[in-house]
Amino acid sequence: MLESTNFFLRGIQPLLVPICFVTAWTVIVLFGWSLWVAARDSVHTAKQMHQIPCANCQFFTDNYRLKCTVHPSIASTEEAIDCSDYQPKTNPMLY
């Protein structure tokens, strides 16, 4: 039993270095790819969230209980991007 295991290990020993080399580089490339995908998705999400106009609307209250007096259910969400009742703040000192 020990002799057959020893024979098997000596037989695959020349292949271990290339297999480990390819495996290590595959892990590195997959890790880099996952970082790239995460960064790309984060940028896409950030761009979409910056399109939400609620913070500059006169109906936005800055109160966590009632964010918007007109549409409280969609305030500060993606649904508020094309809000028909959006009115820009004309004088920020009044709000």
PDB file of N, CA and C in Angstrom:
ATOM      1  N   MET A   1       0.823  -1.182   0.000  1.00  0.00           N
ATOM      2  CA  MET A   1       0.000   0.000   0.000  1.00  0.00           C
ATOM      3  C   MET A   1       0.872   1.252   0.000  1.00  0.00           C
ATOM      4  N   LEU A   2       1.867   1.290   0.862  1.00  0.00           N
ATOM      5  CA  LEU A   2       2.748   2.440   0.948  1.00  0.00           C
ATOM      6  C   LEU A   2       3.560   2.599  -0.326  1.00  0.00           C
ATOM      7  N   GLU A   3       3.948   1.477  -0.926  1.00  0.00           N
ATOM      8  CA  GLU A   3       4.730   1.551  -2.159  1.00  0.00           C
ATOM      9  C   GLU A   3       3.894   2.107  -3.307  1.00  0.00           C
ATOM     10  N   SER A   4       2.629   1.732  -3.385  1.00  0.00           N
ATOM     11  CA  SER A   4       1.779   2.242  -4.464  1.00  0.00           C
ATOM     12  C   SER A   4       1.505   3.738  -4.285  1.00  0.00           C
ATOM     13  N   THR A   5       1.349   4.186  -3.041  1.00  0.00           N
ATOM     14  CA  THR A   5       1.155   5.610  -2.783  1.00  0.00           C
ATOM     15  C   THR A   5       2.413   6.384  -3.140  1.00  0.00           C
ATOM     16  N   ASN A   6       3.560   5.865  -2.768  1.00  0.00           N
ATOM     17  CA  ASN A   6       4.829   6.499  -3.091  1.00  0.00           C
ATOM     18  C   ASN A   6       5.021   6.563  -4.604  1.00  0.00           C
ATOM     19  N   PHE A   7       4.683   5.497  -5.305  1.00  0.00           N
ATOM     20  CA  PHE A   7       4.800   5.459  -6.760  1.00  0.00           C
ATOM     21  C   PHE A   7       3.873   6.509  -7.396  1.00  0.00           C
ATOM     22  N   PHE A   8       2.659   6.629  -6.865  1.00  0.00           N
ATOM     23  CA  PHE A   8       1.693   7.607  -7.383  1.00  0.00           C
ATOM     24  C   PHE A   8       2.191   9.044  -7.173  1.00  0.00           C
ATOM     25  N   LEU A   9       2.714   9.324  -5.970  1.00  0.00           N
ATOM     26  CA  LEU A   9       3.202  10.672  -5.680  1.00  0.00           C
ATOM     27  C   LEU A   9       4.401  11.037  -6.540  1.00  0.00           C
ATOM     28  N   ARG A  10       5.290  10.093  -6.779  1.00  0.00           N
ATOM     29  CA  ARG A  10       6.442  10.365  -7.644  1.00  0.00           C
ATOM     30  C   ARG A  10       6.000  10.548  -9.095  1.00  0.00           C
ATOM     31  N   GLY A  11       4.913   9.907  -9.460  1.00  0.00           N
ATOM     32  CA  GLY A  11       4.417  10.037 -10.832  1.00  0.00           C
ATOM     33  C   GLY A  11       3.794  11.399 -11.106  1.00  0.00           C
ATOM     34  N   ILE A  12       3.091  11.961 -10.113  1.00  0.00           N
ATOM     35  CA  ILE A  12       2.439  13.252 -10.339  1.00  0.00           C
ATOM     36  C   ILE A  12       3.289  14.438  -9.881  1.00  0.00           C
ATOM     37  N   GLN A  13       4.442  14.189  -9.296  1.00  0.00           N
ATOM     38  CA  GLN A  13       5.284  15.268  -8.783  1.00  0.00           C
ATOM     39  C   GLN A  13       5.687  16.270  -9.864  1.00  0.00           C
ATOM     40  N   PRO A  14       6.031  15.871 -11.084  1.00  0.00           N
ATOM     41  CA  PRO A  14       6.366  16.878 -12.101  1.00  0.00           C
ATOM     42  C   PRO A  14       5.164  17.754 -12.496  1.00  0.00           C
ATOM     43  N   LEU A  15       3.964  17.297 -12.246  1.00  0.00           N
ATOM     44  CA  LEU A  15       2.773  18.070 -12.610  1.00  0.00           C
ATOM     45  C   LEU A  15       2.307  19.009 -11.505  1.00  0.00           C
ATOM     46  N   LEU A  16       2.805  18.828 -10.282  1.00  0.00           N
ATOM     47  CA  LEU A  16       2.329  19.628  -9.158  1.00  0.00           C
ATOM     48  C   LEU A  16       2.676  21.110  -9.297  1.00  0.00           C
ATOM     49  N   VAL A  17       3.872  21.433  -9.760  1.00  0.00           N
ATOM     50  CA  VAL A  17       4.274  22.834  -9.885  1.00  0.00           C
ATOM     51  C   VAL A  17       3.403  23.562 -10.909  1.00  0.00           C
ATOM     52  N   PRO A  18       3.216  23.027 -12.122  1.00  0.00           N
ATOM     53  CA  PRO A  18       2.332  23.744 -13.058  1.00  0.00           C
ATOM     54  C   PRO A  18       0.880  23.838 -12.576  1.00  0.00           C
ATOM     55  N   ILE A  19       0.385  22.787 -11.937  1.00  0.00           N
ATOM     56  CA  ILE A  19      -0.989  22.820 -11.437  1.00  0.00           C
ATOM     57  C   ILE A  19      -1.132  23.883 -10.348  1.00  0.00           C
ATOM     58  N   CYS A  20      -0.191  23.958  -9.426  1.00  0.00           N
ATOM     59  CA  CYS A  20      -0.241  24.969  -8.365  1.00  0.00           C
ATOM     60  C   CYS A  20      -0.083  26.377  -8.937  1.00  0.00           C
ATOM     61  N   PHE A  21       0.782  26.525  -9.950  1.00  0.00           N
ATOM     62  CA  PHE A  21       0.981  27.822 -10.591  1.00  0.00           C
ATOM     63  C   PHE A  21      -0.316  28.314 -11.231  1.00  0.00           C
ATOM     64  N   VAL A  22      -0.946  27.454 -11.999  1.00  0.00           N
ATOM     65  CA  VAL A  22      -2.197  27.826 -12.671  1.00  0.00           C
ATOM     66  C   VAL A  22      -3.301  28.079 -11.645  1.00  0.00           C
ATOM     67  N   THR A  23      -3.372  27.271 -10.626  1.00  0.00           N
ATOM     68  CA  THR A  23      -4.398  27.446  -9.597  1.00  0.00           C
ATOM     69  C   THR A  23      -4.209  28.769  -8.854  1.00  0.00           C
ATOM     70  N   ALA A  24      -2.971  29.096  -8.500  1.00  0.00           N
ATOM     71  CA  ALA A  24      -2.707  30.344  -7.778  1.00  0.00           C
ATOM     72  C   ALA A  24      -3.076  31.557  -8.630  1.00  0.00           C
ATOM     73  N   TRP A  25      -2.686  31.555  -9.907  1.00  0.00           N
ATOM     74  CA  TRP A  25      -3.015  32.682 -10.774  1.00  0.00           C
ATOM     75  C   TRP A  25      -4.511  32.760 -11.057  1.00  0.00           C
ATOM     76  N   THR A  26      -5.176  31.640 -11.107  1.00  0.00           N
ATOM     77  CA  THR A  26      -6.628  31.648 -11.291  1.00  0.00           C
ATOM     78  C   THR A  26      -7.316  32.286 -10.093  1.00  0.00           C
ATOM     79  N   VAL A  27      -6.861  31.953  -8.898  1.00  0.00           N
ATOM     80  CA  VAL A  27      -7.437  32.554  -7.687  1.00  0.00           C
ATOM     81  C   VAL A  27      -7.188  34.060  -7.674  1.00  0.00           C
ATOM     82  N   ILE A  28      -5.984  34.494  -8.050  1.00  0.00           N
ATOM     83  CA  ILE A  28      -5.663  35.924  -8.068  1.00  0.00           C
ATOM     84  C   ILE A  28      -6.518  36.659  -9.090  1.00  0.00           C
ATOM     85  N   VAL A  29      -6.670  36.090 -10.279  1.00  0.00           N
ATOM     86  CA  VAL A  29      -7.480  36.726 -11.322  1.00  0.00           C
ATOM     87  C   VAL A  29      -8.947  36.788 -10.905  1.00  0.00           C
ATOM     88  N   LEU A  30      -9.471  35.730 -10.330  1.00  0.00           N
ATOM     89  CA  LEU A  30     -10.866  35.740  -9.881  1.00  0.00           C
ATOM     90  C   LEU A  30     -11.092  36.757  -8.762  1.00  0.00           C
ATOM     91  N   PHE A  31     -10.129  36.896  -7.866  1.00  0.00           N
ATOM     92  CA  PHE A  31     -10.233  37.892  -6.803  1.00  0.00           C
ATOM     93  C   PHE A  31     -10.234  39.304  -7.388  1.00  0.00           C
ATOM     94  N   GLY A  32      -9.324  39.557  -8.330  1.00  0.00           N
ATOM     95  CA  GLY A  32      -9.286  40.865  -8.984  1.00  0.00           C
ATOM     96  C   GLY A  32     -10.565  41.154  -9.752  1.00  0.00           C
ATOM     97  N   TRP A  33     -11.082  40.146 -10.438  1.00  0.00           N
ATOM     98  CA  TRP A  33     -12.326  40.316 -11.180  1.00  0.00           C
ATOM     99  C   TRP A  33     -13.492  40.631 -10.245  1.00  0.00           C
ATOM    100  N   SER A  34     -13.554  39.960  -9.109  1.00  0.00           N
ATOM    101  CA  SER A  34     -14.648  40.229  -8.169  1.00  0.00           C
ATOM    102  C   SER A  34     -14.531  41.640  -7.583  1.00  0.00           C
ATOM    103  N   LEU A  35     -13.306  42.120  -7.350  1.00  0.00           N
ATOM    104  CA  LEU A  35     -13.130  43.499  -6.890  1.00  0.00           C
ATOM    105  C   LEU A  35     -13.595  44.487  -7.950  1.00  0.00           C
ATOM    106  N   TRP A  36     -13.251  44.215  -9.213  1.00  0.00           N
ATOM    107  CA  TRP A  36     -13.657  45.085 -10.315  1.00  0.00           C
ATOM    108  C   TRP A  36     -15.180  45.142 -10.427  1.00  0.00           C
ATOM    109  N   VAL A  37     -15.835  43.999 -10.357  1.00  0.00           N
ATOM    110  CA  VAL A  37     -17.297  43.945 -10.463  1.00  0.00           C
ATOM    111  C   VAL A  37     -17.942  44.677  -9.289  1.00  0.00           C
ATOM    112  N   ALA A  38     -17.404  44.511  -8.095  1.00  0.00           N
ATOM    113  CA  ALA A  38     -17.952  45.201  -6.924  1.00  0.00           C
ATOM    114  C   ALA A  38     -17.799  46.717  -7.063  1.00  0.00           C
ATOM    115  N   ALA A  39     -16.644  47.170  -7.536  1.00  0.00           N
ATOM    116  CA  ALA A  39     -16.427  48.606  -7.722  1.00  0.00           C
ATOM    117  C   ALA A  39     -17.353  49.158  -8.803  1.00  0.00           C
ATOM    118  N   ARG A  40     -17.514  48.428  -9.895  1.00  0.00           N
ATOM    119  CA  ARG A  40     -18.382  48.867 -10.991  1.00  0.00           C
ATOM    120  C   ARG A  40     -19.835  48.968 -10.525  1.00  0.00           C
ATOM    121  N   ASP A  41     -20.292  47.986  -9.771  1.00  0.00           N
ATOM    122  CA  ASP A  41     -21.663  48.015  -9.264  1.00  0.00           C
ATOM    123  C   ASP A  41     -21.862  49.146  -8.254  1.00  0.00           C
ATOM    124  N   SER A  42     -20.851  49.412  -7.448  1.00  0.00           N
ATOM    125  CA  SER A  42     -20.947  50.500  -6.468  1.00  0.00           C
ATOM    126  C   SER A  42     -21.050  51.853  -7.159  1.00  0.00           C
ATOM    127  N   VAL A  43     -20.273  52.045  -8.218  1.00  0.00           N
ATOM    128  CA  VAL A  43     -20.331  53.306  -8.962  1.00  0.00           C
ATOM    129  C   VAL A  43     -21.696  53.461  -9.622  1.00  0.00           C
ATOM    130  N   HIS A  44     -22.217  52.380 -10.183  1.00  0.00           N
ATOM    131  CA  HIS A  44     -23.536  52.434 -10.823  1.00  0.00           C
ATOM    132  C   HIS A  44     -24.621  52.782  -9.802  1.00  0.00           C
ATOM    133  N   THR A  45     -24.568  52.169  -8.640  1.00  0.00           N
ATOM    134  CA  THR A  45     -25.551  52.444  -7.592  1.00  0.00           C
ATOM    135  C   THR A  45     -25.428  53.881  -7.090  1.00  0.00           C
ATOM    136  N   ALA A  46     -24.192  54.353  -6.930  1.00  0.00           N
ATOM    137  CA  ALA A  46     -23.987  55.721  -6.453  1.00  0.00           C
ATOM    138  C   ALA A  46     -24.521  56.737  -7.457  1.00  0.00           C
ATOM    139  N   LYS A  47     -24.290  56.491  -8.747  1.00  0.00           N
ATOM    140  CA  LYS A  47     -24.811  57.407  -9.764  1.00  0.00           C
ATOM    141  C   LYS A  47     -26.334  57.447  -9.739  1.00  0.00           C
ATOM    142  N   GLN A  48     -26.946  56.299  -9.563  1.00  0.00           N
ATOM    143  CA  GLN A  48     -28.404  56.244  -9.531  1.00  0.00           C
ATOM    144  C   GLN A  48     -28.949  56.935  -8.280  1.00  0.00           C
ATOM    145  N   MET A  49     -28.290  56.756  -7.144  1.00  0.00           N
ATOM    146  CA  MET A  49     -28.765  57.373  -5.910  1.00  0.00           C
ATOM    147  C   MET A  49     -28.589  58.895  -5.940  1.00  0.00           C
ATOM    148  N   HIS A  50     -27.593  59.391  -6.684  1.00  0.00           N
ATOM    149  CA  HIS A  50     -27.389  60.835  -6.771  1.00  0.00           C
ATOM    150  C   HIS A  50     -28.421  61.507  -7.668  1.00  0.00           C
ATOM    151  N   GLN A  51     -29.228  60.732  -8.366  1.00  0.00           N
ATOM    152  CA  GLN A  51     -30.287  61.304  -9.198  1.00  0.00           C
ATOM    153  C   GLN A  51     -31.555  61.582  -8.398  1.00  0.00           C
ATOM    154  N   ILE A  52     -31.616  61.108  -7.174  1.00  0.00           N
ATOM    155  CA  ILE A  52     -32.807  61.316  -6.346  1.00  0.00           C
ATOM    156  C   ILE A  52     -32.828  62.779  -5.888  1.00  0.00           C
ATOM    157  N   PRO A  53     -33.858  63.528  -6.269  1.00  0.00           N
ATOM    158  CA  PRO A  53     -33.862  64.968  -6.006  1.00  0.00           C
ATOM    159  C   PRO A  53     -34.449  65.381  -4.660  1.00  0.00           C
ATOM    160  N   CYS A  54     -34.811  64.455  -3.824  1.00  0.00           N
ATOM    161  CA  CYS A  54     -35.574  64.774  -2.603  1.00  0.00           C
ATOM    162  C   CYS A  54     -34.890  65.797  -1.696  1.00  0.00           C
ATOM    163  N   ALA A  55     -33.608  65.731  -1.548  1.00  0.00           N
ATOM    164  CA  ALA A  55     -32.926  66.624  -0.603  1.00  0.00           C
ATOM    165  C   ALA A  55     -33.030  68.085  -1.019  1.00  0.00           C
ATOM    166  N   ASN A  56     -33.259  68.348  -2.303  1.00  0.00           N
ATOM    167  CA  ASN A  56     -33.361  69.727  -2.789  1.00  0.00           C
ATOM    168  C   ASN A  56     -34.804  70.163  -3.028  1.00  0.00           C
ATOM    169  N   CYS A  57     -35.764  69.379  -2.582  1.00  0.00           N
ATOM    170  CA  CYS A  57     -37.178  69.681  -2.796  1.00  0.00           C
ATOM    171  C   CYS A  57     -37.730  70.466  -1.605  1.00  0.00           C
ATOM    172  N   GLN A  58     -38.648  71.380  -1.885  1.00  0.00           N
ATOM    173  CA  GLN A  58     -39.207  72.189  -0.793  1.00  0.00           C
ATOM    174  C   GLN A  58     -40.127  71.384   0.117  1.00  0.00           C
ATOM    175  N   PHE A  59     -40.602  70.222  -0.340  1.00  0.00           N
ATOM    176  CA  PHE A  59     -41.477  69.389   0.478  1.00  0.00           C
ATOM    177  C   PHE A  59     -40.703  68.386   1.336  1.00  0.00           C
ATOM    178  N   PHE A  60     -39.399  68.336   1.190  1.00  0.00           N
ATOM    179  CA  PHE A  60     -38.562  67.419   1.969  1.00  0.00           C
ATOM    180  C   PHE A  60     -38.347  68.021   3.348  1.00  0.00           C
ATOM    181  N   THR A  61     -38.593  67.240   4.405  1.00  0.00           N
ATOM    182  CA  THR A  61     -38.600  67.802   5.760  1.00  0.00           C
ATOM    183  C   THR A  61     -37.352  67.512   6.589  1.00  0.00           C
ATOM    184  N   ASP A  62     -36.459  66.628   6.152  1.00  0.00           N
ATOM    185  CA  ASP A  62     -35.287  66.218   6.937  1.00  0.00           C
ATOM    186  C   ASP A  62     -35.681  65.565   8.261  1.00  0.00           C
ATOM    187  N   ASN A  63     -36.882  65.063   8.347  1.00  0.00           N
ATOM    188  CA  ASN A  63     -37.366  64.367   9.528  1.00  0.00           C
ATOM    189  C   ASN A  63     -37.471  62.889   9.164  1.00  0.00           C
ATOM    190  N   TYR A  64     -36.859  62.016   9.939  1.00  0.00           N
ATOM    191  CA  TYR A  64     -36.851  60.601   9.574  1.00  0.00           C
ATOM    192  C   TYR A  64     -38.232  59.968   9.653  1.00  0.00           C
ATOM    193  N   ARG A  65     -39.165  60.566  10.394  1.00  0.00           N
ATOM    194  CA  ARG A  65     -40.524  60.017  10.486  1.00  0.00           C
ATOM    195  C   ARG A  65     -41.384  60.410   9.289  1.00  0.00           C
ATOM    196  N   LEU A  66     -41.222  61.618   8.785  1.00  0.00           N
ATOM    197  CA  LEU A  66     -41.974  62.095   7.631  1.00  0.00           C
ATOM    198  C   LEU A  66     -40.999  62.831   6.721  1.00  0.00           C
ATOM    199  N   LYS A  67     -40.443  62.116   5.777  1.00  0.00           N
ATOM    200  CA  LYS A  67     -39.425  62.706   4.914  1.00  0.00           C
ATOM    201  C   LYS A  67     -40.016  63.679   3.906  1.00  0.00           C
ATOM    202  N   CYS A  68     -41.185  63.339   3.377  1.00  0.00           N
ATOM    203  CA  CYS A  68     -41.814  64.177   2.357  1.00  0.00           C
ATOM    204  C   CYS A  68     -43.284  64.339   2.715  1.00  0.00           C
ATOM    205  N   THR A  69     -43.774  65.570   2.636  1.00  0.00           N
ATOM    206  CA  THR A  69     -45.170  65.802   2.991  1.00  0.00           C
ATOM    207  C   THR A  69     -46.129  65.448   1.862  1.00  0.00           C
ATOM    208  N   VAL A  70     -45.644  65.333   0.635  1.00  0.00           N
ATOM    209  CA  VAL A  70     -46.508  65.028  -0.504  1.00  0.00           C
ATOM    210  C   VAL A  70     -46.547  63.531  -0.788  1.00  0.00           C
ATOM    211  N   HIS A  71     -45.367  62.916  -0.885  1.00  0.00           N
ATOM    212  CA  HIS A  71     -45.264  61.476  -1.177  1.00  0.00           C
ATOM    213  C   HIS A  71     -44.344  60.811  -0.152  1.00  0.00           C
ATOM    214  N   PRO A  72     -44.804  60.580   1.046  1.00  0.00           N
ATOM    215  CA  PRO A  72     -43.914  60.012   2.069  1.00  0.00           C
ATOM    216  C   PRO A  72     -43.480  58.583   1.776  1.00  0.00           C
ATOM    217  N   SER A  73     -44.258  57.840   1.007  1.00  0.00           N
ATOM    218  CA  SER A  73     -43.907  56.436   0.764  1.00  0.00           C
ATOM    219  C   SER A  73     -42.772  56.276  -0.239  1.00  0.00           C
ATOM    220  N   ILE A  74     -42.561  57.263  -1.104  1.00  0.00           N
ATOM    221  CA  ILE A  74     -41.492  57.130  -2.103  1.00  0.00           C
ATOM    222  C   ILE A  74     -40.339  58.092  -1.853  1.00  0.00           C
ATOM    223  N   ALA A  75     -40.385  58.841  -0.775  1.00  0.00           N
ATOM    224  CA  ALA A  75     -39.332  59.816  -0.496  1.00  0.00           C
ATOM    225  C   ALA A  75     -37.985  59.130  -0.316  1.00  0.00           C
ATOM    226  N   SER A  76     -36.983  59.694  -0.935  1.00  0.00           N
ATOM    227  CA  SER A  76     -35.590  59.217  -0.869  1.00  0.00           C
ATOM    228  C   SER A  76     -35.420  57.801  -1.414  1.00  0.00           C
ATOM    229  N   THR A  77     -36.263  57.398  -2.348  1.00  0.00           N
ATOM    230  CA  THR A  77     -36.113  56.105  -3.010  1.00  0.00           C
ATOM    231  C   THR A  77     -35.938  56.342  -4.507  1.00  0.00           C
ATOM    232  N   GLU A  78     -35.666  55.268  -5.231  1.00  0.00           N
ATOM    233  CA  GLU A  78     -35.491  55.376  -6.678  1.00  0.00           C
ATOM    234  C   GLU A  78     -36.785  55.785  -7.372  1.00  0.00           C
ATOM    235  N   GLU A  79     -37.916  55.514  -6.769  1.00  0.00           N
ATOM    236  CA  GLU A  79     -39.201  55.902  -7.356  1.00  0.00           C
ATOM    237  C   GLU A  79     -39.370  57.421  -7.386  1.00  0.00           C
ATOM    238  N   ALA A  80     -38.618  58.141  -6.579  1.00  0.00           N
ATOM    239  CA  ALA A  80     -38.739  59.594  -6.507  1.00  0.00           C
ATOM    240  C   ALA A  80     -37.907  60.315  -7.561  1.00  0.00           C
ATOM    241  N   ILE A  81     -37.214  59.591  -8.412  1.00  0.00           N
ATOM    242  CA  ILE A  81     -36.354  60.241  -9.407  1.00  0.00           C
ATOM    243  C   ILE A  81     -37.178  61.112 -10.351  1.00  0.00           C
ATOM    244  N   ASP A  82     -38.311  60.651 -10.807  1.00  0.00           N
ATOM    245  CA  ASP A  82     -39.164  61.429 -11.708  1.00  0.00           C
ATOM    246  C   ASP A  82     -40.434  61.889 -10.993  1.00  0.00           C
ATOM    247  N   CYS A  83     -40.299  62.418  -9.824  1.00  0.00           N
ATOM    248  CA  CYS A  83     -41.453  62.848  -9.036  1.00  0.00           C
ATOM    249  C   CYS A  83     -42.127  64.038  -9.725  1.00  0.00           C
ATOM    250  N   SER A  84     -43.427  63.933  -9.930  1.00  0.00           N
ATOM    251  CA  SER A  84     -44.161  65.000 -10.621  1.00  0.00           C
ATOM    252  C   SER A  84     -44.380  66.221  -9.722  1.00  0.00           C
ATOM    253  N   ASP A  85     -44.273  66.059  -8.426  1.00  0.00           N
ATOM    254  CA  ASP A  85     -44.497  67.168  -7.495  1.00  0.00           C
ATOM    255  C   ASP A  85     -43.205  67.816  -7.006  1.00  0.00           C
ATOM    256  N   TYR A  86     -42.102  67.533  -7.651  1.00  0.00           N
ATOM    257  CA  TYR A  86     -40.819  68.100  -7.221  1.00  0.00           C
ATOM    258  C   TYR A  86     -40.819  69.612  -7.435  1.00  0.00           C
ATOM    259  N   GLN A  87     -40.501  70.332  -6.381  1.00  0.00           N
ATOM    260  CA  GLN A  87     -40.353  71.783  -6.442  1.00  0.00           C
ATOM    261  C   GLN A  87     -39.016  72.130  -5.794  1.00  0.00           C
ATOM    262  N   PRO A  88     -38.106  72.722  -6.544  1.00  0.00           N
ATOM    263  CA  PRO A  88     -36.806  73.041  -5.941  1.00  0.00           C
ATOM    264  C   PRO A  88     -36.950  74.104  -4.853  1.00  0.00           C
ATOM    265  N   LYS A  89     -36.059  74.017  -3.895  1.00  0.00           N
ATOM    266  CA  LYS A  89     -36.059  75.009  -2.819  1.00  0.00           C
ATOM    267  C   LYS A  89     -35.644  76.348  -3.412  1.00  0.00           C
ATOM    268  N   THR A  90     -36.466  77.355  -3.225  1.00  0.00           N
ATOM    269  CA  THR A  90     -36.137  78.670  -3.768  1.00  0.00           C
ATOM    270  C   THR A  90     -35.253  79.456  -2.813  1.00  0.00           C
ATOM    271  N   ASN A  91     -35.496  79.313  -1.536  1.00  0.00           N
ATOM    272  CA  ASN A  91     -34.688  79.992  -0.535  1.00  0.00           C
ATOM    273  C   ASN A  91     -34.389  78.992   0.576  1.00  0.00           C
ATOM    274  N   PRO A  92     -33.175  78.436   0.621  1.00  0.00           N
ATOM    275  CA  PRO A  92     -32.857  77.424   1.629  1.00  0.00           C
ATOM    276  C   PRO A  92     -32.956  77.928   3.068  1.00  0.00           C
ATOM    277  N   MET A  93     -32.946  79.234   3.273  1.00  0.00           N
ATOM    278  CA  MET A  93     -33.043  79.768   4.631  1.00  0.00           C
ATOM    279  C   MET A  93     -34.450  79.589   5.209  1.00  0.00           C
ATOM    280  N   LEU A  94     -35.437  79.388   4.342  1.00  0.00           N
ATOM    281  CA  LEU A  94     -36.813  79.243   4.810  1.00  0.00           C
ATOM    282  C   LEU A  94     -37.149  77.819   5.211  1.00  0.00           C
ATOM    283  N   TYR A  95     -36.343  76.848   4.844  1.00  0.00           N
ATOM    284  CA  TYR A  95     -36.692  75.442   5.067  1.00  0.00           C
ATOM    285  C   TYR A  95     -35.835  74.811   6.113  1.00  0.00           C
TER     286      TYR A  95
END
